[in-house]
Amino acid sequence: MKNNKGFTLVEALTSMSIVFMLIAITIPINTILKTERMKLYDERLISFYLHDELIDKLYTENFMETDKYTVSINNHNVQFQFTLNDDLLKGCARWENVKQQNKEYCLYGYKKQ
């Protein structure tokens, strides 16, 4: 008991196991947060683009009943579809997100005739 100058083997193994557990927990959480951040960023970017396109279609004089096209936004092929029902213009965007899930986001606008 007089020679207390360093860690014992059990103390060293315990501290290393705690460090490895913290690393094993934080790496998966970090990757989940990164994919969720990318998913939300893509959705926000596509919704902004859809909003701008919807505003443009609302003020276009000669709008057809259905307009459909595909645009590449942030390495995603986004399909835009605009349909006119009575006085409401419905604009929808469809794409596949980073989790390989099909997403759809729709906005409505009132078109004066």
PDB file of N, CA and C in Angstrom:
ATOM      1  N   MET A   1       0.818  -1.199   0.000  1.00  0.00           N
ATOM      2  CA  MET A   1       0.000   0.000   0.000  1.00  0.00           C
ATOM      3  C   MET A   1       0.862   1.264   0.000  1.00  0.00           C
ATOM      4  N   LYS A   2       2.150   1.142   0.173  1.00  0.00           N
ATOM      5  CA  LYS A   2       2.991   2.328   0.221  1.00  0.00           C
ATOM      6  C   LYS A   2       3.354   2.830  -1.178  1.00  0.00           C
ATOM      7  N   ASN A   3       3.207   1.994  -2.227  1.00  0.00           N
ATOM      8  CA  ASN A   3       3.593   2.376  -3.574  1.00  0.00           C
ATOM      9  C   ASN A   3       2.338   2.750  -4.381  1.00  0.00           C
ATOM     10  N   ASN A   4       1.768   3.956  -4.207  1.00  0.00           N
ATOM     11  CA  ASN A   4       0.544   4.432  -4.863  1.00  0.00           C
ATOM     12  C   ASN A   4       0.882   5.465  -5.928  1.00  0.00           C
ATOM     13  N   LYS A   5       1.745   5.183  -6.876  1.00  0.00           N
ATOM     14  CA  LYS A   5       2.179   6.195  -7.824  1.00  0.00           C
ATOM     15  C   LYS A   5       1.484   6.128  -9.175  1.00  0.00           C
ATOM     16  N   GLY A   6       0.664   5.160  -9.477  1.00  0.00           N
ATOM     17  CA  GLY A   6       0.065   5.075 -10.807  1.00  0.00           C
ATOM     18  C   GLY A   6      -1.262   4.338 -10.785  1.00  0.00           C
ATOM     19  N   PHE A   7      -1.826   4.236 -11.988  1.00  0.00           N
ATOM     20  CA  PHE A   7      -3.080   3.499 -12.135  1.00  0.00           C
ATOM     21  C   PHE A   7      -2.822   2.009 -12.034  1.00  0.00           C
ATOM     22  N   THR A   8      -3.807   1.328 -11.535  1.00  0.00           N
ATOM     23  CA  THR A   8      -3.745  -0.128 -11.591  1.00  0.00           C
ATOM     24  C   THR A   8      -4.330  -0.576 -12.924  1.00  0.00           C
ATOM     25  N   LEU A   9      -4.175  -1.803 -13.257  1.00  0.00           N
ATOM     26  CA  LEU A   9      -4.683  -2.321 -14.529  1.00  0.00           C
ATOM     27  C   LEU A   9      -6.192  -2.215 -14.596  1.00  0.00           C
ATOM     28  N   VAL A  10      -6.878  -2.464 -13.515  1.00  0.00           N
ATOM     29  CA  VAL A  10      -8.337  -2.397 -13.495  1.00  0.00           C
ATOM     30  C   VAL A  10      -8.807  -0.967 -13.725  1.00  0.00           C
ATOM     31  N   GLU A  11      -8.159   0.006 -13.116  1.00  0.00           N
ATOM     32  CA  GLU A  11      -8.542   1.406 -13.317  1.00  0.00           C
ATOM     33  C   GLU A  11      -8.306   1.837 -14.752  1.00  0.00           C
ATOM     34  N   ALA A  12      -7.222   1.411 -15.363  1.00  0.00           N
ATOM     35  CA  ALA A  12      -6.926   1.763 -16.753  1.00  0.00           C
ATOM     36  C   ALA A  12      -7.946   1.132 -17.701  1.00  0.00           C
ATOM     37  N   LEU A  13      -8.296  -0.127 -17.465  1.00  0.00           N
ATOM     38  CA  LEU A  13      -9.292  -0.784 -18.313  1.00  0.00           C
ATOM     39  C   LEU A  13     -10.671  -0.144 -18.165  1.00  0.00           C
ATOM     40  N   THR A  14     -11.024   0.238 -16.955  1.00  0.00           N
ATOM     41  CA  THR A  14     -12.310   0.886 -16.712  1.00  0.00           C
ATOM     42  C   THR A  14     -12.390   2.236 -17.421  1.00  0.00           C
ATOM     43  N   SER A  15     -11.361   3.029 -17.320  1.00  0.00           N
ATOM     44  CA  SER A  15     -11.387   4.342 -17.973  1.00  0.00           C
ATOM     45  C   SER A  15     -11.393   4.195 -19.501  1.00  0.00           C
ATOM     46  N   MET A  16     -10.663   3.235 -20.039  1.00  0.00           N
ATOM     47  CA  MET A  16     -10.676   3.010 -21.485  1.00  0.00           C
ATOM     48  C   MET A  16     -12.032   2.519 -21.966  1.00  0.00           C
ATOM     49  N   SER A  17     -12.680   1.663 -21.187  1.00  0.00           N
ATOM     50  CA  SER A  17     -13.999   1.178 -21.592  1.00  0.00           C
ATOM     51  C   SER A  17     -15.027   2.304 -21.582  1.00  0.00           C
ATOM     52  N   ILE A  18     -14.912   3.229 -20.646  1.00  0.00           N
ATOM     53  CA  ILE A  18     -15.814   4.389 -20.613  1.00  0.00           C
ATOM     54  C   ILE A  18     -15.588   5.269 -21.841  1.00  0.00           C
ATOM     55  N   VAL A  19     -14.351   5.500 -22.190  1.00  0.00           N
ATOM     56  CA  VAL A  19     -14.036   6.313 -23.373  1.00  0.00           C
ATOM     57  C   VAL A  19     -14.561   5.643 -24.635  1.00  0.00           C
ATOM     58  N   PHE A  20     -14.367   4.332 -24.781  1.00  0.00           N
ATOM     59  CA  PHE A  20     -14.847   3.628 -25.959  1.00  0.00           C
ATOM     60  C   PHE A  20     -16.372   3.602 -26.032  1.00  0.00           C
ATOM     61  N   MET A  21     -17.045   3.506 -24.897  1.00  0.00           N
ATOM     62  CA  MET A  21     -18.507   3.557 -24.898  1.00  0.00           C
ATOM     63  C   MET A  21     -18.997   4.924 -25.354  1.00  0.00           C
ATOM     64  N   LEU A  22     -18.364   5.992 -24.890  1.00  0.00           N
ATOM     65  CA  LEU A  22     -18.757   7.330 -25.332  1.00  0.00           C
ATOM     66  C   LEU A  22     -18.554   7.513 -26.832  1.00  0.00           C
ATOM     67  N   ILE A  23     -17.453   6.993 -27.354  1.00  0.00           N
ATOM     68  CA  ILE A  23     -17.201   7.073 -28.795  1.00  0.00           C
ATOM     69  C   ILE A  23     -18.230   6.253 -29.558  1.00  0.00           C
ATOM     70  N   ALA A  24     -18.549   5.067 -29.066  1.00  0.00           N
ATOM     71  CA  ALA A  24     -19.509   4.192 -29.740  1.00  0.00           C
ATOM     72  C   ALA A  24     -20.916   4.777 -29.735  1.00  0.00           C
ATOM     73  N   ILE A  25     -21.223   5.607 -28.783  1.00  0.00           N
ATOM     74  CA  ILE A  25     -22.546   6.240 -28.726  1.00  0.00           C
ATOM     75  C   ILE A  25     -22.601   7.494 -29.594  1.00  0.00           C
ATOM     76  N   THR A  26     -21.557   8.306 -29.586  1.00  0.00           N
ATOM     77  CA  THR A  26     -21.613   9.590 -30.283  1.00  0.00           C
ATOM     78  C   THR A  26     -21.492   9.474 -31.801  1.00  0.00           C
ATOM     79  N   ILE A  27     -20.782   8.487 -32.330  1.00  0.00           N
ATOM     80  CA  ILE A  27     -20.632   8.375 -33.785  1.00  0.00           C
ATOM     81  C   ILE A  27     -21.970   8.082 -34.465  1.00  0.00           C
ATOM     82  N   PRO A  28     -22.787   7.114 -34.038  1.00  0.00           N
ATOM     83  CA  PRO A  28     -24.093   6.915 -34.691  1.00  0.00           C
ATOM     84  C   PRO A  28     -25.031   8.109 -34.523  1.00  0.00           C
ATOM     85  N   ILE A  29     -25.004   8.744 -33.372  1.00  0.00           N
ATOM     86  CA  ILE A  29     -25.852   9.918 -33.170  1.00  0.00           C
ATOM     87  C   ILE A  29     -25.444  11.033 -34.127  1.00  0.00           C
ATOM     88  N   ASN A  30     -24.156  11.199 -34.344  1.00  0.00           N
ATOM     89  CA  ASN A  30     -23.669  12.227 -35.256  1.00  0.00           C
ATOM     90  C   ASN A  30     -24.111  11.948 -36.690  1.00  0.00           C
ATOM     91  N   THR A  31     -24.069  10.694 -37.133  1.00  0.00           N
ATOM     92  CA  THR A  31     -24.500  10.384 -38.496  1.00  0.00           C
ATOM     93  C   THR A  31     -26.007  10.562 -38.666  1.00  0.00           C
ATOM     94  N   ILE A  32     -26.780  10.221 -37.637  1.00  0.00           N
ATOM     95  CA  ILE A  32     -28.230  10.431 -37.694  1.00  0.00           C
ATOM     96  C   ILE A  32     -28.536  11.922 -37.786  1.00  0.00           C
ATOM     97  N   LEU A  33     -27.865  12.716 -36.983  1.00  0.00           N
ATOM     98  CA  LEU A  33     -28.082  14.168 -37.030  1.00  0.00           C
ATOM     99  C   LEU A  33     -27.686  14.750 -38.380  1.00  0.00           C
ATOM    100  N   LYS A  34     -26.630  14.234 -38.969  1.00  0.00           N
ATOM    101  CA  LYS A  34     -26.189  14.740 -40.274  1.00  0.00           C
ATOM    102  C   LYS A  34     -27.214  14.433 -41.367  1.00  0.00           C
ATOM    103  N   THR A  35     -27.755  13.214 -41.387  1.00  0.00           N
ATOM    104  CA  THR A  35     -28.760  12.883 -42.402  1.00  0.00           C
ATOM    105  C   THR A  35     -30.052  13.661 -42.186  1.00  0.00           C
ATOM    106  N   GLU A  36     -30.469  13.853 -40.938  1.00  0.00           N
ATOM    107  CA  GLU A  36     -31.669  14.636 -40.672  1.00  0.00           C
ATOM    108  C   GLU A  36     -31.476  16.108 -41.073  1.00  0.00           C
ATOM    109  N   ARG A  37     -30.280  16.624 -40.828  1.00  0.00           N
ATOM    110  CA  ARG A  37     -29.977  18.004 -41.221  1.00  0.00           C
ATOM    111  C   ARG A  37     -30.042  18.149 -42.740  1.00  0.00           C
ATOM    112  N   MET A  38     -29.488  17.181 -43.472  1.00  0.00           N
ATOM    113  CA  MET A  38     -29.545  17.229 -44.935  1.00  0.00           C
ATOM    114  C   MET A  38     -30.979  17.090 -45.445  1.00  0.00           C
ATOM    115  N   LYS A  39     -31.758  16.235 -44.797  1.00  0.00           N
ATOM    116  CA  LYS A  39     -33.152  16.047 -45.198  1.00  0.00           C
ATOM    117  C   LYS A  39     -33.946  17.343 -45.027  1.00  0.00           C
ATOM    118  N   LEU A  40     -33.777  18.007 -43.901  1.00  0.00           N
ATOM    119  CA  LEU A  40     -34.483  19.260 -43.652  1.00  0.00           C
ATOM    120  C   LEU A  40     -33.997  20.380 -44.563  1.00  0.00           C
ATOM    121  N   TYR A  41     -32.690  20.408 -44.850  1.00  0.00           N
ATOM    122  CA  TYR A  41     -32.149  21.423 -45.742  1.00  0.00           C
ATOM    123  C   TYR A  41     -32.724  21.258 -47.149  1.00  0.00           C
ATOM    124  N   ASP A  42     -32.780  20.014 -47.634  1.00  0.00           N
ATOM    125  CA  ASP A  42     -33.342  19.762 -48.959  1.00  0.00           C
ATOM    126  C   ASP A  42     -34.821  20.138 -49.010  1.00  0.00           C
ATOM    127  N   GLU A  43     -35.577  19.786 -47.982  1.00  0.00           N
ATOM    128  CA  GLU A  43     -37.000  20.112 -47.956  1.00  0.00           C
ATOM    129  C   GLU A  43     -37.224  21.622 -47.941  1.00  0.00           C
ATOM    130  N   ARG A  44     -36.423  22.328 -47.186  1.00  0.00           N
ATOM    131  CA  ARG A  44     -36.551  23.782 -47.139  1.00  0.00           C
ATOM    132  C   ARG A  44     -36.193  24.409 -48.483  1.00  0.00           C
ATOM    133  N   LEU A  45     -35.134  23.939 -49.113  1.00  0.00           N
ATOM    134  CA  LEU A  45     -34.710  24.465 -50.409  1.00  0.00           C
ATOM    135  C   LEU A  45     -35.763  24.195 -51.482  1.00  0.00           C
ATOM    136  N   ILE A  46     -36.326  22.990 -51.490  1.00  0.00           N
ATOM    137  CA  ILE A  46     -37.357  22.644 -52.473  1.00  0.00           C
ATOM    138  C   ILE A  46     -38.628  23.433 -52.226  1.00  0.00           C
ATOM    139  N   SER A  47     -38.986  23.655 -50.966  1.00  0.00           N
ATOM    140  CA  SER A  47     -40.193  24.431 -50.682  1.00  0.00           C
ATOM    141  C   SER A  47     -40.025  25.890 -51.114  1.00  0.00           C
ATOM    142  N   PHE A  48     -38.835  26.453 -50.953  1.00  0.00           N
ATOM    143  CA  PHE A  48     -38.585  27.813 -51.430  1.00  0.00           C
ATOM    144  C   PHE A  48     -38.711  27.882 -52.951  1.00  0.00           C
ATOM    145  N   TYR A  49     -38.141  26.889 -53.622  1.00  0.00           N
ATOM    146  CA  TYR A  49     -38.211  26.858 -55.079  1.00  0.00           C
ATOM    147  C   TYR A  49     -39.652  26.698 -55.547  1.00  0.00           C
ATOM    148  N   LEU A  50     -40.414  25.829 -54.876  1.00  0.00           N
ATOM    149  CA  LEU A  50     -41.822  25.634 -55.214  1.00  0.00           C
ATOM    150  C   LEU A  50     -42.609  26.918 -55.008  1.00  0.00           C
ATOM    151  N   HIS A  51     -42.340  27.617 -53.934  1.00  0.00           N
ATOM    152  CA  HIS A  51     -43.018  28.884 -53.668  1.00  0.00           C
ATOM    153  C   HIS A  51     -42.753  29.887 -54.784  1.00  0.00           C
ATOM    154  N   ASP A  52     -41.495  30.015 -55.195  1.00  0.00           N
ATOM    155  CA  ASP A  52     -41.155  30.954 -56.262  1.00  0.00           C
ATOM    156  C   ASP A  52     -41.824  30.569 -57.585  1.00  0.00           C
ATOM    157  N   GLU A  53     -41.855  29.283 -57.884  1.00  0.00           N
ATOM    158  CA  GLU A  53     -42.500  28.829 -59.112  1.00  0.00           C
ATOM    159  C   GLU A  53     -44.012  29.051 -59.057  1.00  0.00           C
ATOM    160  N   LEU A  54     -44.601  28.834 -57.892  1.00  0.00           N
ATOM    161  CA  LEU A  54     -46.045  29.045 -57.742  1.00  0.00           C
ATOM    162  C   LEU A  54     -46.397  30.511 -57.932  1.00  0.00           C
ATOM    163  N   ILE A  55     -45.620  31.404 -57.377  1.00  0.00           N
ATOM    164  CA  ILE A  55     -45.849  32.842 -57.556  1.00  0.00           C
ATOM    165  C   ILE A  55     -45.727  33.207 -59.031  1.00  0.00           C
ATOM    166  N   ASP A  56     -44.725  32.634 -59.711  1.00  0.00           N
ATOM    167  CA  ASP A  56     -44.545  32.903 -61.139  1.00  0.00           C
ATOM    168  C   ASP A  56     -45.750  32.407 -61.936  1.00  0.00           C
ATOM    169  N   LYS A  57     -46.256  31.220 -61.610  1.00  0.00           N
ATOM    170  CA  LYS A  57     -47.418  30.665 -62.327  1.00  0.00           C
ATOM    171  C   LYS A  57     -48.687  31.458 -62.035  1.00  0.00           C
ATOM    172  N   LEU A  58     -48.800  32.000 -60.824  1.00  0.00           N
ATOM    173  CA  LEU A  58     -49.996  32.772 -60.480  1.00  0.00           C
ATOM    174  C   LEU A  58     -50.112  34.039 -61.325  1.00  0.00           C
ATOM    175  N   TYR A  59     -48.997  34.647 -61.662  1.00  0.00           N
ATOM    176  CA  TYR A  59     -49.019  35.895 -62.404  1.00  0.00           C
ATOM    177  C   TYR A  59     -48.794  35.712 -63.897  1.00  0.00           C
ATOM    178  N   THR A  60     -48.739  34.455 -64.362  1.00  0.00           N
ATOM    179  CA  THR A  60     -48.643  34.188 -65.784  1.00  0.00           C
ATOM    180  C   THR A  60     -50.048  34.229 -66.377  1.00  0.00           C
ATOM    181  N   GLU A  61     -50.197  34.972 -67.451  1.00  0.00           N
ATOM    182  CA  GLU A  61     -51.524  35.149 -68.036  1.00  0.00           C
ATOM    183  C   GLU A  61     -52.051  33.873 -68.700  1.00  0.00           C
ATOM    184  N   ASN A  62     -51.233  33.229 -69.504  1.00  0.00           N
ATOM    185  CA  ASN A  62     -51.709  32.067 -70.253  1.00  0.00           C
ATOM    186  C   ASN A  62     -51.212  30.777 -69.604  1.00  0.00           C
ATOM    187  N   PHE A  63     -51.841  30.404 -68.507  1.00  0.00           N
ATOM    188  CA  PHE A  63     -51.478  29.173 -67.794  1.00  0.00           C
ATOM    189  C   PHE A  63     -52.397  28.058 -68.256  1.00  0.00           C
ATOM    190  N   MET A  64     -51.817  26.915 -68.602  1.00  0.00           N
ATOM    191  CA  MET A  64     -52.607  25.770 -69.027  1.00  0.00           C
ATOM    192  C   MET A  64     -53.157  25.055 -67.782  1.00  0.00           C
ATOM    193  N   GLU A  65     -54.065  24.109 -67.982  1.00  0.00           N
ATOM    194  CA  GLU A  65     -54.710  23.414 -66.864  1.00  0.00           C
ATOM    195  C   GLU A  65     -53.718  22.610 -66.033  1.00  0.00           C
ATOM    196  N   THR A  66     -52.753  21.963 -66.676  1.00  0.00           N
ATOM    197  CA  THR A  66     -51.765  21.159 -65.951  1.00  0.00           C
ATOM    198  C   THR A  66     -50.387  21.446 -66.531  1.00  0.00           C
ATOM    199  N   ASP A  67     -49.451  21.697 -65.643  1.00  0.00           N
ATOM    200  CA  ASP A  67     -48.066  21.940 -66.043  1.00  0.00           C
ATOM    201  C   ASP A  67     -47.189  21.025 -65.199  1.00  0.00           C
ATOM    202  N   LYS A  68     -46.329  20.237 -65.877  1.00  0.00           N
ATOM    203  CA  LYS A  68     -45.521  19.242 -65.157  1.00  0.00           C
ATOM    204  C   LYS A  68     -44.112  19.241 -65.746  1.00  0.00           C
ATOM    205  N   TYR A  69     -43.112  19.317 -64.876  1.00  0.00           N
ATOM    206  CA  TYR A  69     -41.722  19.272 -65.335  1.00  0.00           C
ATOM    207  C   TYR A  69     -40.824  18.842 -64.183  1.00  0.00           C
ATOM    208  N   THR A  70     -39.562  18.504 -64.518  1.00  0.00           N
ATOM    209  CA  THR A  70     -38.594  18.011 -63.537  1.00  0.00           C
ATOM    210  C   THR A  70     -37.387  18.930 -63.517  1.00  0.00           C
ATOM    211  N   VAL A  71     -36.912  19.250 -62.297  1.00  0.00           N
ATOM    212  CA  VAL A  71     -35.754  20.116 -62.093  1.00  0.00           C
ATOM    213  C   VAL A  71     -34.803  19.411 -61.130  1.00  0.00           C
ATOM    214  N   SER A  72     -33.509  19.583 -61.345  1.00  0.00           N
ATOM    215  CA  SER A  72     -32.513  19.025 -60.429  1.00  0.00           C
ATOM    216  C   SER A  72     -32.143  20.081 -59.395  1.00  0.00           C
ATOM    217  N   ILE A  73     -32.433  19.782 -58.130  1.00  0.00           N
ATOM    218  CA  ILE A  73     -32.133  20.689 -57.025  1.00  0.00           C
ATOM    219  C   ILE A  73     -31.301  19.930 -56.006  1.00  0.00           C
ATOM    220  N   ASN A  74     -30.074  20.394 -55.789  1.00  0.00           N
ATOM    221  CA  ASN A  74     -29.185  19.806 -54.791  1.00  0.00           C
ATOM    222  C   ASN A  74     -29.030  18.290 -54.987  1.00  0.00           C
ATOM    223  N   ASN A  75     -28.781  17.895 -56.236  1.00  0.00           N
ATOM    224  CA  ASN A  75     -28.587  16.490 -56.622  1.00  0.00           C
ATOM    225  C   ASN A  75     -29.822  15.623 -56.411  1.00  0.00           C
ATOM    226  N   HIS A  76     -31.006  16.222 -56.410  1.00  0.00           N
ATOM    227  CA  HIS A  76     -32.266  15.483 -56.338  1.00  0.00           C
ATOM    228  C   HIS A  76     -33.100  15.871 -57.550  1.00  0.00           C
ATOM    229  N   ASN A  77     -33.682  14.877 -58.215  1.00  0.00           N
ATOM    230  CA  ASN A  77     -34.617  15.167 -59.298  1.00  0.00           C
ATOM    231  C   ASN A  77     -35.979  15.443 -58.682  1.00  0.00           C
ATOM    232  N   VAL A  78     -36.413  16.686 -58.805  1.00  0.00           N
ATOM    233  CA  VAL A  78     -37.664  17.116 -58.194  1.00  0.00           C
ATOM    234  C   VAL A  78     -38.681  17.325 -59.306  1.00  0.00           C
ATOM    235  N   GLN A  79     -39.812  16.661 -59.164  1.00  0.00           N
ATOM    236  CA  GLN A  79     -40.876  16.782 -60.156  1.00  0.00           C
ATOM    237  C   GLN A  79     -41.906  17.786 -59.653  1.00  0.00           C
ATOM    238  N   PHE A  80     -42.123  18.827 -60.438  1.00  0.00           N
ATOM    239  CA  PHE A  80     -43.098  19.854 -60.098  1.00  0.00           C
ATOM    240  C   PHE A  80     -44.341  19.651 -60.948  1.00  0.00           C
ATOM    241  N   GLN A  81     -45.494  19.796 -60.300  1.00  0.00           N
ATOM    242  CA  GLN A  81     -46.759  19.682 -61.013  1.00  0.00           C
ATOM    243  C   GLN A  81     -47.691  20.776 -60.510  1.00  0.00           C
ATOM    244  N   PHE A  82     -48.247  21.515 -61.442  1.00  0.00           N
ATOM    245  CA  PHE A  82     -49.171  22.599 -61.133  1.00  0.00           C
ATOM    246  C   PHE A  82     -50.499  22.303 -61.810  1.00  0.00           C
ATOM    247  N   THR A  83     -51.576  22.328 -61.015  1.00  0.00           N
ATOM    248  CA  THR A  83     -52.911  22.109 -61.553  1.00  0.00           C
ATOM    249  C   THR A  83     -53.815  23.234 -61.100  1.00  0.00           C
ATOM    250  N   LEU A  84     -54.736  23.608 -61.986  1.00  0.00           N
ATOM    251  CA  LEU A  84     -55.667  24.692 -61.703  1.00  0.00           C
ATOM    252  C   LEU A  84     -57.047  24.103 -61.484  1.00  0.00           C
ATOM    253  N   ASN A  85     -57.596  24.290 -60.286  1.00  0.00           N
ATOM    254  CA  ASN A  85     -58.941  23.851 -59.936  1.00  0.00           C
ATOM    255  C   ASN A  85     -59.737  25.079 -59.531  1.00  0.00           C
ATOM    256  N   ASP A  86     -60.719  25.446 -60.364  1.00  0.00           N
ATOM    257  CA  ASP A  86     -61.500  26.666 -60.171  1.00  0.00           C
ATOM    258  C   ASP A  86     -60.552  27.859 -60.069  1.00  0.00           C
ATOM    259  N   ASP A  87     -60.456  28.484 -58.898  1.00  0.00           N
ATOM    260  CA  ASP A  87     -59.562  29.631 -58.738  1.00  0.00           C
ATOM    261  C   ASP A  87     -58.303  29.295 -57.947  1.00  0.00           C
ATOM    262  N   LEU A  88     -58.173  28.037 -57.522  1.00  0.00           N
ATOM    263  CA  LEU A  88     -56.998  27.643 -56.746  1.00  0.00           C
ATOM    264  C   LEU A  88     -55.959  26.963 -57.643  1.00  0.00           C
ATOM    265  N   LEU A  89     -54.741  27.414 -57.514  1.00  0.00           N
ATOM    266  CA  LEU A  89     -53.631  26.800 -58.217  1.00  0.00           C
ATOM    267  C   LEU A  89     -52.861  25.949 -57.204  1.00  0.00           C
ATOM    268  N   LYS A  90     -52.774  24.660 -57.484  1.00  0.00           N
ATOM    269  CA  LYS A  90     -52.081  23.734 -56.592  1.00  0.00           C
ATOM    270  C   LYS A  90     -50.732  23.389 -57.199  1.00  0.00           C
ATOM    271  N   GLY A  91     -49.675  23.628 -56.439  1.00  0.00           N
ATOM    272  CA  GLY A  91     -48.330  23.284 -56.870  1.00  0.00           C
ATOM    273  C   GLY A  91     -47.745  22.243 -55.941  1.00  0.00           C
ATOM    274  N   CYS A  92     -47.288  21.133 -56.512  1.00  0.00           N
ATOM    275  CA  CYS A  92     -46.719  20.050 -55.711  1.00  0.00           C
ATOM    276  C   CYS A  92     -45.315  19.718 -56.204  1.00  0.00           C
ATOM    277  N   ALA A  93     -44.452  19.378 -55.260  1.00  0.00           N
ATOM    278  CA  ALA A  93     -43.092  18.932 -55.565  1.00  0.00           C
ATOM    279  C   ALA A  93     -42.925  17.532 -55.007  1.00  0.00           C
ATOM    280  N   ARG A  94     -42.381  16.636 -55.824  1.00  0.00           N
ATOM    281  CA  ARG A  94     -42.139  15.247 -55.407  1.00  0.00           C
ATOM    282  C   ARG A  94     -40.666  14.925 -55.644  1.00  0.00           C
ATOM    283  N   TRP A  95     -40.063  14.277 -54.651  1.00  0.00           N
ATOM    284  CA  TRP A  95     -38.655  13.896 -54.772  1.00  0.00           C
ATOM    285  C   TRP A  95     -38.357  12.757 -53.815  1.00  0.00           C
ATOM    286  N   GLU A  96     -37.162  12.195 -53.964  1.00  0.00           N
ATOM    287  CA  GLU A  96     -36.688  11.147 -53.064  1.00  0.00           C
ATOM    288  C   GLU A  96     -35.602  11.748 -52.182  1.00  0.00           C
ATOM    289  N   ASN A  97     -35.791  11.694 -50.862  1.00  0.00           N
ATOM    290  CA  ASN A  97     -34.844  12.345 -49.942  1.00  0.00           C
ATOM    291  C   ASN A  97     -33.634  11.452 -49.664  1.00  0.00           C
ATOM    292  N   VAL A  98     -32.762  11.911 -48.767  1.00  0.00           N
ATOM    293  CA  VAL A  98     -31.518  11.195 -48.493  1.00  0.00           C
ATOM    294  C   VAL A  98     -31.751   9.838 -47.824  1.00  0.00           C
ATOM    295  N   LYS A  99     -32.923   9.625 -47.267  1.00  0.00           N
ATOM    296  CA  LYS A  99     -33.263   8.332 -46.667  1.00  0.00           C
ATOM    297  C   LYS A  99     -33.983   7.418 -47.657  1.00  0.00           C
ATOM    298  N   GLN A 100     -33.974   7.776 -48.939  1.00  0.00           N
ATOM    299  CA  GLN A 100     -34.641   7.046 -50.014  1.00  0.00           C
ATOM    300  C   GLN A 100     -36.145   6.911 -49.767  1.00  0.00           C
ATOM    301  N   GLN A 101     -36.744   7.946 -49.198  1.00  0.00           N
ATOM    302  CA  GLN A 101     -38.190   7.997 -49.007  1.00  0.00           C
ATOM    303  C   GLN A 101     -38.763   8.992 -49.998  1.00  0.00           C
ATOM    304  N   ASN A 102     -39.913   8.655 -50.571  1.00  0.00           N
ATOM    305  CA  ASN A 102     -40.580   9.574 -51.488  1.00  0.00           C
ATOM    306  C   ASN A 102     -41.310  10.639 -50.676  1.00  0.00           C
ATOM    307  N   LYS A 103     -41.023  11.901 -50.987  1.00  0.00           N
ATOM    308  CA  LYS A 103     -41.636  13.017 -50.268  1.00  0.00           C
ATOM    309  C   LYS A 103     -42.467  13.842 -51.235  1.00  0.00           C
ATOM    310  N   GLU A 104     -43.497  14.471 -50.714  1.00  0.00           N
ATOM    311  CA  GLU A 104     -44.335  15.372 -51.499  1.00  0.00           C
ATOM    312  C   GLU A 104     -44.642  16.594 -50.654  1.00  0.00           C
ATOM    313  N   TYR A 105     -44.520  17.758 -51.273  1.00  0.00           N
ATOM    314  CA  TYR A 105     -44.795  19.018 -50.595  1.00  0.00           C
ATOM    315  C   TYR A 105     -45.675  19.840 -51.525  1.00  0.00           C
ATOM    316  N   CYS A 106     -46.826  20.304 -51.042  1.00  0.00           N
ATOM    317  CA  CYS A 106     -47.770  21.041 -51.883  1.00  0.00           C
ATOM    318  C   CYS A 106     -48.062  22.416 -51.284  1.00  0.00           C
ATOM    319  N   LEU A 107     -48.261  23.366 -52.174  1.00  0.00           N
ATOM    320  CA  LEU A 107     -48.679  24.715 -51.813  1.00  0.00           C
ATOM    321  C   LEU A 107     -49.861  25.103 -52.686  1.00  0.00           C
ATOM    322  N   TYR A 108     -50.697  25.990 -52.167  1.00  0.00           N
ATOM    323  CA  TYR A 108     -51.861  26.465 -52.898  1.00  0.00           C
ATOM    324  C   TYR A 108     -51.786  27.971 -53.053  1.00  0.00           C
ATOM    325  N   GLY A 109     -52.330  28.447 -54.162  1.00  0.00           N
ATOM    326  CA  GLY A 109     -52.383  29.877 -54.391  1.00  0.00           C
ATOM    327  C   GLY A 109     -53.700  30.239 -55.066  1.00  0.00           C
ATOM    328  N   TYR A 110     -54.202  31.411 -54.799  1.00  0.00           N
ATOM    329  CA  TYR A 110     -55.445  31.893 -55.371  1.00  0.00           C
ATOM    330  C   TYR A 110     -55.142  32.649 -56.660  1.00  0.00           C
ATOM    331  N   LYS A 111     -55.695  32.171 -57.758  1.00  0.00           N
ATOM    332  CA  LYS A 111     -55.451  32.784 -59.060  1.00  0.00           C
ATOM    333  C   LYS A 111     -56.662  33.608 -59.459  1.00  0.00           C
ATOM    334  N   LYS A 112     -56.452  34.899 -59.565  1.00  0.00           N
ATOM    335  CA  LYS A 112     -57.528  35.796 -60.021  1.00  0.00           C
ATOM    336  C   LYS A 112     -57.667  35.684 -61.525  1.00  0.00           C
ATOM    337  N   GLN A 113     -58.892  35.618 -61.983  1.00  0.00           N
ATOM    338  CA  GLN A 113     -59.092  35.486 -63.427  1.00  0.00           C
ATOM    339  C   GLN A 113     -59.754  36.678 -64.023  1.00  0.00           C
TER     340      GLN A 113
END
